[in-house]
Amino acid sequence: DVTVDGNTLGSLNVLASNGIIHTIGGVLLPP
C-alpha cells in the first residue's frame, strides 16, 4: 500500500486535462 498521512490511496493515476487524481480513503486534515 501507499499511504498519505496514514491514509491509503485507492484508485491511482486518474488522468485529467490539468493534472492527476489519486483517490484516498480518508480526509486529510492540516494541523
All heavy atoms as atom14 arrays in JSON, in Angstrom:
{
  "sequence": "DVTVDGNTLGSLNVLASNGIIHTIGGVLLPP",
  "atom14_mask": [
    [1, 1, 1, 1, 1, 1, 1, 1, 0, 0, 0, 0, 0, 0],
    [1, 1, 1, 1, 1, 1, 1, 0, 0, 0, 0, 0, 0, 0],
    [1, 1, 1, 1, 1, 1, 1, 0, 0, 0, 0, 0, 0, 0],
    [1, 1, 1, 1, 1, 1, 1, 0, 0, 0, 0, 0, 0, 0],
    [1, 1, 1, 1, 1, 1, 1, 1, 0, 0, 0, 0, 0, 0],
    [1, 1, 1, 1, 0, 0, 0, 0, 0, 0, 0, 0, 0, 0],
    [1, 1, 1, 1, 1, 1, 1, 1, 0, 0, 0, 0, 0, 0],
    [1, 1, 1, 1, 1, 1, 1, 0, 0, 0, 0, 0, 0, 0],
    [1, 1, 1, 1, 1, 1, 1, 1, 0, 0, 0, 0, 0, 0],
    [1, 1, 1, 1, 0, 0, 0, 0, 0, 0, 0, 0, 0, 0],
    [1, 1, 1, 1, 1, 1, 0, 0, 0, 0, 0, 0, 0, 0],
    [1, 1, 1, 1, 1, 1, 1, 1, 0, 0, 0, 0, 0, 0],
    [1, 1, 1, 1, 1, 1, 1, 1, 0, 0, 0, 0, 0, 0],
    [1, 1, 1, 1, 1, 1, 1, 0, 0, 0, 0, 0, 0, 0],
    [1, 1, 1, 1, 1, 1, 1, 1, 0, 0, 0, 0, 0, 0],
    [1, 1, 1, 1, 1, 0, 0, 0, 0, 0, 0, 0, 0, 0],
    [1, 1, 1, 1, 1, 1, 0, 0, 0, 0, 0, 0, 0, 0],
    [1, 1, 1, 1, 1, 1, 1, 1, 0, 0, 0, 0, 0, 0],
    [1, 1, 1, 1, 0, 0, 0, 0, 0, 0, 0, 0, 0, 0],
    [1, 1, 1, 1, 1, 1, 1, 1, 0, 0, 0, 0, 0, 0],
    [1, 1, 1, 1, 1, 1, 1, 1, 0, 0, 0, 0, 0, 0],
    [1, 1, 1, 1, 1, 1, 1, 1, 1, 1, 0, 0, 0, 0],
    [1, 1, 1, 1, 1, 1, 1, 0, 0, 0, 0, 0, 0, 0],
    [1, 1, 1, 1, 1, 1, 1, 1, 0, 0, 0, 0, 0, 0],
    [1, 1, 1, 1, 0, 0, 0, 0, 0, 0, 0, 0, 0, 0],
    [1, 1, 1, 1, 0, 0, 0, 0, 0, 0, 0, 0, 0, 0],
    [1, 1, 1, 1, 1, 1, 1, 0, 0, 0, 0, 0, 0, 0],
    [1, 1, 1, 1, 1, 1, 1, 1, 0, 0, 0, 0, 0, 0],
    [1, 1, 1, 1, 1, 1, 1, 1, 0, 0, 0, 0, 0, 0],
    [1, 1, 1, 1, 1, 1, 1, 0, 0, 0, 0, 0, 0, 0],
    [1, 1, 1, 1, 1, 1, 1, 0, 0, 0, 0, 0, 0, 0]
  ],
  "atom14_positions": [
    [[0.83, -1.2, 0.0], [0.0, 0.0, 0.0], [0.86, 1.25, 0.0], [2.02, 1.24, 0.44], [-0.92, 0.04, 1.23], [-2.0, -1.03, 1.18], [-2.43, -1.37, 0.06], [-2.38, -1.53, 2.26], [0.0, 0.0, 0.0], [0.0, 0.0, 0.0], [0.0, 0.0, 0.0], [0.0, 0.0, 0.0], [0.0, 0.0, 0.0], [0.0, 0.0, 0.0]],
    [[0.27, 2.34, -0.49], [0.87, 3.66, -0.39], [-0.06, 4.49, 0.48], [-1.27, 4.54, 0.24], [1.04, 4.32, -1.77], [1.68, 5.71, -1.63], [1.85, 3.44, -2.7], [0.0, 0.0, 0.0], [0.0, 0.0, 0.0], [0.0, 0.0, 0.0], [0.0, 0.0, 0.0], [0.0, 0.0, 0.0], [0.0, 0.0, 0.0], [0.0, 0.0, 0.0]],
    [[0.51, 5.13, 1.49], [-0.32, 5.94, 2.38], [0.15, 7.39, 2.34], [1.33, 7.68, 2.16], [-0.27, 5.44, 3.83], [1.07, 5.5, 4.31], [-0.79, 4.01, 3.93], [0.0, 0.0, 0.0], [0.0, 0.0, 0.0], [0.0, 0.0, 0.0], [0.0, 0.0, 0.0], [0.0, 0.0, 0.0], [0.0, 0.0, 0.0], [0.0, 0.0, 0.0]],
    [[-0.82, 8.28, 2.5], [-0.56, 9.71, 2.6], [-1.11, 10.16, 3.95], [-2.31, 10.03, 4.21], [-1.24, 10.48, 1.45], [-0.99, 11.98, 1.59], [-0.73, 9.98, 0.1], [0.0, 0.0, 0.0], [0.0, 0.0, 0.0], [0.0, 0.0, 0.0], [0.0, 0.0, 0.0], [0.0, 0.0, 0.0], [0.0, 0.0, 0.0], [0.0, 0.0, 0.0]],
    [[-0.22, 10.63, 4.8], [-0.6, 10.96, 6.18], [-1.36, 9.8, 6.83], [-2.35, 9.99, 7.56], [-1.45, 12.24, 6.23], [-0.6, 13.5, 6.13], [0.62, 13.38, 5.94], [-1.18, 14.6, 6.24], [0.0, 0.0, 0.0], [0.0, 0.0, 0.0], [0.0, 0.0, 0.0], [0.0, 0.0, 0.0], [0.0, 0.0, 0.0], [0.0, 0.0, 0.0]],
    [[-0.93, 8.59, 6.53], [-1.52, 7.4, 7.14], [-2.78, 6.9, 6.47], [-3.34, 5.88, 6.89], [0.0, 0.0, 0.0], [0.0, 0.0, 0.0], [0.0, 0.0, 0.0], [0.0, 0.0, 0.0], [0.0, 0.0, 0.0], [0.0, 0.0, 0.0], [0.0, 0.0, 0.0], [0.0, 0.0, 0.0], [0.0, 0.0, 0.0], [0.0, 0.0, 0.0]],
    [[-3.24, 7.56, 5.41], [-4.45, 7.15, 4.7], [-4.09, 6.47, 3.38], [-3.27, 6.99, 2.61], [-5.34, 8.36, 4.44], [-5.85, 9.01, 5.7], [-6.81, 8.57, 6.3], [-5.15, 10.06, 6.15], [0.0, 0.0, 0.0], [0.0, 0.0, 0.0], [0.0, 0.0, 0.0], [0.0, 0.0, 0.0], [0.0, 0.0, 0.0], [0.0, 0.0, 0.0]],
    [[-4.71, 5.33, 3.12], [-4.35, 4.51, 1.96], [-4.93, 5.07, 0.68], [-6.11, 5.44, 0.6], [-4.85, 3.08, 2.16], [-4.3, 2.56, 3.38], [-4.43, 2.18, 1.0], [0.0, 0.0, 0.0], [0.0, 0.0, 0.0], [0.0, 0.0, 0.0], [0.0, 0.0, 0.0], [0.0, 0.0, 0.0], [0.0, 0.0, 0.0], [0.0, 0.0, 0.0]],
    [[-4.07, 5.11, -0.36], [-4.54, 5.5, -1.68], [-5.36, 4.37, -2.29], [-5.08, 3.2, -2.07], [-3.36, 5.83, -2.6], [-2.51, 7.05, -2.23], [-1.44, 7.27, -3.3], [-3.38, 8.29, -2.1], [0.0, 0.0, 0.0], [0.0, 0.0, 0.0], [0.0, 0.0, 0.0], [0.0, 0.0, 0.0], [0.0, 0.0, 0.0], [0.0, 0.0, 0.0]],
    [[-6.36, 4.75, -3.09], [-7.22, 3.77, -3.73], [-6.98, 3.73, -5.23], [-5.98, 3.19, -5.7], [0.0, 0.0, 0.0], [0.0, 0.0, 0.0], [0.0, 0.0, 0.0], [0.0, 0.0, 0.0], [0.0, 0.0, 0.0], [0.0, 0.0, 0.0], [0.0, 0.0, 0.0], [0.0, 0.0, 0.0], [0.0, 0.0, 0.0], [0.0, 0.0, 0.0]],
    [[-7.87, 4.35, -6.0], [-7.69, 4.41, -7.45], [-6.55, 5.36, -7.78], [-6.53, 6.51, -7.32], [-8.98, 4.9, -8.12], [-10.05, 4.01, -7.86], [0.0, 0.0, 0.0], [0.0, 0.0, 0.0], [0.0, 0.0, 0.0], [0.0, 0.0, 0.0], [0.0, 0.0, 0.0], [0.0, 0.0, 0.0], [0.0, 0.0, 0.0], [0.0, 0.0, 0.0]],
    [[-5.61, 4.89, -8.58], [-4.42, 5.67, -8.88], [-4.42, 6.15, -10.32], [-5.06, 5.56, -11.2], [-3.16, 4.81, -8.65], [-3.01, 4.19, -7.27], [-1.8, 3.26, -7.25], [-2.86, 5.27, -6.21], [0.0, 0.0, 0.0], [0.0, 0.0, 0.0], [0.0, 0.0, 0.0], [0.0, 0.0, 0.0], [0.0, 0.0, 0.0], [0.0, 0.0, 0.0]],
    [[-3.71, 7.24, -10.55], [-3.43, 7.69, -11.91], [-4.68, 7.97, -12.73], [-4.78, 7.6, -13.9], [-2.56, 6.67, -12.65], [-1.16, 6.58, -12.1], [-0.68, 7.5, -11.44], [-0.5, 5.47, -12.34], [0.0, 0.0, 0.0], [0.0, 0.0, 0.0], [0.0, 0.0, 0.0], [0.0, 0.0, 0.0], [0.0, 0.0, 0.0], [0.0, 0.0, 0.0]],
    [[-5.66, 8.63, -12.13], [-6.84, 9.07, -12.89], [-6.45, 10.38, -13.56], [-6.3, 11.41, -12.9], [-8.06, 9.25, -11.98], [-9.27, 9.7, -12.8], [-8.37, 7.96, -11.23], [0.0, 0.0, 0.0], [0.0, 0.0, 0.0], [0.0, 0.0, 0.0], [0.0, 0.0, 0.0], [0.0, 0.0, 0.0], [0.0, 0.0, 0.0], [0.0, 0.0, 0.0]],
    [[-6.26, 10.33, -14.88], [-5.7, 11.47, -15.61], [-6.77, 12.5, -15.92], [-7.86, 12.17, -16.38], [-5.05, 10.99, -16.9], [-4.19, 12.01, -17.66], [-3.0, 12.44, -16.81], [-3.72, 11.41, -18.98], [0.0, 0.0, 0.0], [0.0, 0.0, 0.0], [0.0, 0.0, 0.0], [0.0, 0.0, 0.0], [0.0, 0.0, 0.0], [0.0, 0.0, 0.0]],
    [[-6.46, 13.76, -15.67], [-7.31, 14.89, -16.04], [-6.52, 15.8, -16.97], [-5.29, 15.66, -17.1], [-7.77, 15.65, -14.8], [0.0, 0.0, 0.0], [0.0, 0.0, 0.0], [0.0, 0.0, 0.0], [0.0, 0.0, 0.0], [0.0, 0.0, 0.0], [0.0, 0.0, 0.0], [0.0, 0.0, 0.0], [0.0, 0.0, 0.0], [0.0, 0.0, 0.0]],
    [[-7.21, 16.73, -17.6], [-6.51, 17.61, -18.54], [-5.59, 18.58, -17.82], [-4.65, 19.12, -18.43], [-7.52, 18.38, -19.39], [-8.36, 19.18, -18.58], [0.0, 0.0, 0.0], [0.0, 0.0, 0.0], [0.0, 0.0, 0.0], [0.0, 0.0, 0.0], [0.0, 0.0, 0.0], [0.0, 0.0, 0.0], [0.0, 0.0, 0.0], [0.0, 0.0, 0.0]],
    [[-5.83, 18.82, -16.55], [-4.99, 19.74, -15.79], [-4.37, 19.09, -14.55], [-4.1, 19.75, -13.55], [-5.78, 21.0, -15.4], [-7.05, 20.68, -14.62], [-7.49, 19.53, -14.58], [-7.65, 21.7, -14.02], [0.0, 0.0, 0.0], [0.0, 0.0, 0.0], [0.0, 0.0, 0.0], [0.0, 0.0, 0.0], [0.0, 0.0, 0.0], [0.0, 0.0, 0.0]],
    [[-4.16, 17.77, -14.63], [-3.5, 17.11, -13.52], [-3.85, 15.64, -13.39], [-4.32, 15.01, -14.33], [0.0, 0.0, 0.0], [0.0, 0.0, 0.0], [0.0, 0.0, 0.0], [0.0, 0.0, 0.0], [0.0, 0.0, 0.0], [0.0, 0.0, 0.0], [0.0, 0.0, 0.0], [0.0, 0.0, 0.0], [0.0, 0.0, 0.0], [0.0, 0.0, 0.0]],
    [[-3.62, 15.11, -12.21], [-3.85, 13.7, -11.9], [-4.58, 13.6, -10.58], [-4.3, 14.35, -9.63], [-2.51, 12.93, -11.81], [-1.78, 12.94, -13.14], [-2.72, 11.49, -11.35], [-0.43, 12.27, -13.1], [0.0, 0.0, 0.0], [0.0, 0.0, 0.0], [0.0, 0.0, 0.0], [0.0, 0.0, 0.0], [0.0, 0.0, 0.0], [0.0, 0.0, 0.0]],
    [[-5.51, 12.65, -10.52], [-6.24, 12.37, -9.28], [-5.87, 10.98, -8.78], [-5.81, 10.02, -9.54], [-7.76, 12.44, -9.51], [-8.19, 13.86, -9.89], [-8.53, 11.97, -8.27], [-9.66, 13.96, -10.28], [0.0, 0.0, 0.0], [0.0, 0.0, 0.0], [0.0, 0.0, 0.0], [0.0, 0.0, 0.0], [0.0, 0.0, 0.0], [0.0, 0.0, 0.0]],
    [[-5.59, 10.89, -7.47], [-5.48, 9.61, -6.79], [-6.52, 9.64, -5.67], [-6.51, 10.56, -4.84], [-4.1, 9.41, -6.16], [-2.95, 9.64, -7.09], [-2.7, 8.84, -8.19], [-1.97, 10.6, -7.1], [-1.62, 9.28, -8.82], [-1.16, 10.35, -8.18], [0.0, 0.0, 0.0], [0.0, 0.0, 0.0], [0.0, 0.0, 0.0], [0.0, 0.0, 0.0]],
    [[-7.44, 8.69, -5.66], [-8.43, 8.7, -4.57], [-7.77, 8.21, -3.28], [-6.78, 7.47, -3.29], [-9.65, 7.82, -4.89], [-9.25, 6.46, -5.01], [-10.34, 8.29, -6.16], [0.0, 0.0, 0.0], [0.0, 0.0, 0.0], [0.0, 0.0, 0.0], [0.0, 0.0, 0.0], [0.0, 0.0, 0.0], [0.0, 0.0, 0.0], [0.0, 0.0, 0.0]],
    [[-8.33, 8.64, -2.16], [-7.75, 8.34, -0.86], [-8.85, 7.99, 0.13], [-9.97, 8.52, 0.03], [-6.89, 9.53, -0.36], [-6.04, 9.13, 0.84], [-7.74, 10.76, -0.09], [-4.93, 10.13, 1.12], [0.0, 0.0, 0.0], [0.0, 0.0, 0.0], [0.0, 0.0, 0.0], [0.0, 0.0, 0.0], [0.0, 0.0, 0.0], [0.0, 0.0, 0.0]],
    [[-8.54, 7.07, 1.04], [-9.56, 6.52, 1.93], [-9.86, 7.33, 3.17], [-10.65, 6.9, 4.02], [0.0, 0.0, 0.0], [0.0, 0.0, 0.0], [0.0, 0.0, 0.0], [0.0, 0.0, 0.0], [0.0, 0.0, 0.0], [0.0, 0.0, 0.0], [0.0, 0.0, 0.0], [0.0, 0.0, 0.0], [0.0, 0.0, 0.0], [0.0, 0.0, 0.0]],
    [[-9.24, 8.49, 3.31], [-9.51, 9.34, 4.47], [-9.39, 10.81, 4.1], [-8.73, 11.15, 3.11], [0.0, 0.0, 0.0], [0.0, 0.0, 0.0], [0.0, 0.0, 0.0], [0.0, 0.0, 0.0], [0.0, 0.0, 0.0], [0.0, 0.0, 0.0], [0.0, 0.0, 0.0], [0.0, 0.0, 0.0], [0.0, 0.0, 0.0], [0.0, 0.0, 0.0]],
    [[-10.03, 11.67, 4.86], [-9.89, 13.11, 4.65], [-8.63, 13.57, 5.36], [-8.42, 13.28, 6.55], [-11.12, 13.88, 5.17], [-10.92, 15.38, 5.02], [-12.38, 13.42, 4.43], [0.0, 0.0, 0.0], [0.0, 0.0, 0.0], [0.0, 0.0, 0.0], [0.0, 0.0, 0.0], [0.0, 0.0, 0.0], [0.0, 0.0, 0.0], [0.0, 0.0, 0.0]],
    [[-7.77, 14.27, 4.64], [-6.52, 14.77, 5.2], [-6.79, 16.11, 5.88], [-7.41, 17.0, 5.31], [-5.47, 14.95, 4.1], [-5.23, 13.74, 3.18], [-4.21, 14.09, 2.11], [-4.77, 12.54, 4.0], [0.0, 0.0, 0.0], [0.0, 0.0, 0.0], [0.0, 0.0, 0.0], [0.0, 0.0, 0.0], [0.0, 0.0, 0.0], [0.0, 0.0, 0.0]],
    [[-6.33, 16.21, 7.1], [-6.6, 17.43, 7.87], [-5.27, 18.1, 8.26], [-4.44, 17.5, 8.91], [-7.39, 17.09, 9.14], [-8.79, 16.52, 8.91], [-9.38, 16.01, 10.21], [-9.7, 17.56, 8.28], [0.0, 0.0, 0.0], [0.0, 0.0, 0.0], [0.0, 0.0, 0.0], [0.0, 0.0, 0.0], [0.0, 0.0, 0.0], [0.0, 0.0, 0.0]],
    [[-5.09, 19.34, 7.82], [-3.88, 20.06, 8.2], [-3.87, 20.34, 9.69], [-4.92, 20.35, 10.33], [-3.95, 21.35, 7.37], [-5.39, 21.54, 7.09], [-5.97, 20.17, 6.97], [0.0, 0.0, 0.0], [0.0, 0.0, 0.0], [0.0, 0.0, 0.0], [0.0, 0.0, 0.0], [0.0, 0.0, 0.0], [0.0, 0.0, 0.0], [0.0, 0.0, 0.0]],
    [[-2.71, 20.58, 10.29], [-2.64, 20.83, 11.73], [-3.55, 21.99, 12.14], [-3.58, 23.05, 11.51], [-1.17, 21.2, 11.94], [-0.44, 20.55, 10.8], [-1.38, 20.61, 9.64], [0.0, 0.0, 0.0], [0.0, 0.0, 0.0], [0.0, 0.0, 0.0], [0.0, 0.0, 0.0], [0.0, 0.0, 0.0], [0.0, 0.0, 0.0], [0.0, 0.0, 0.0]]
  ]
}
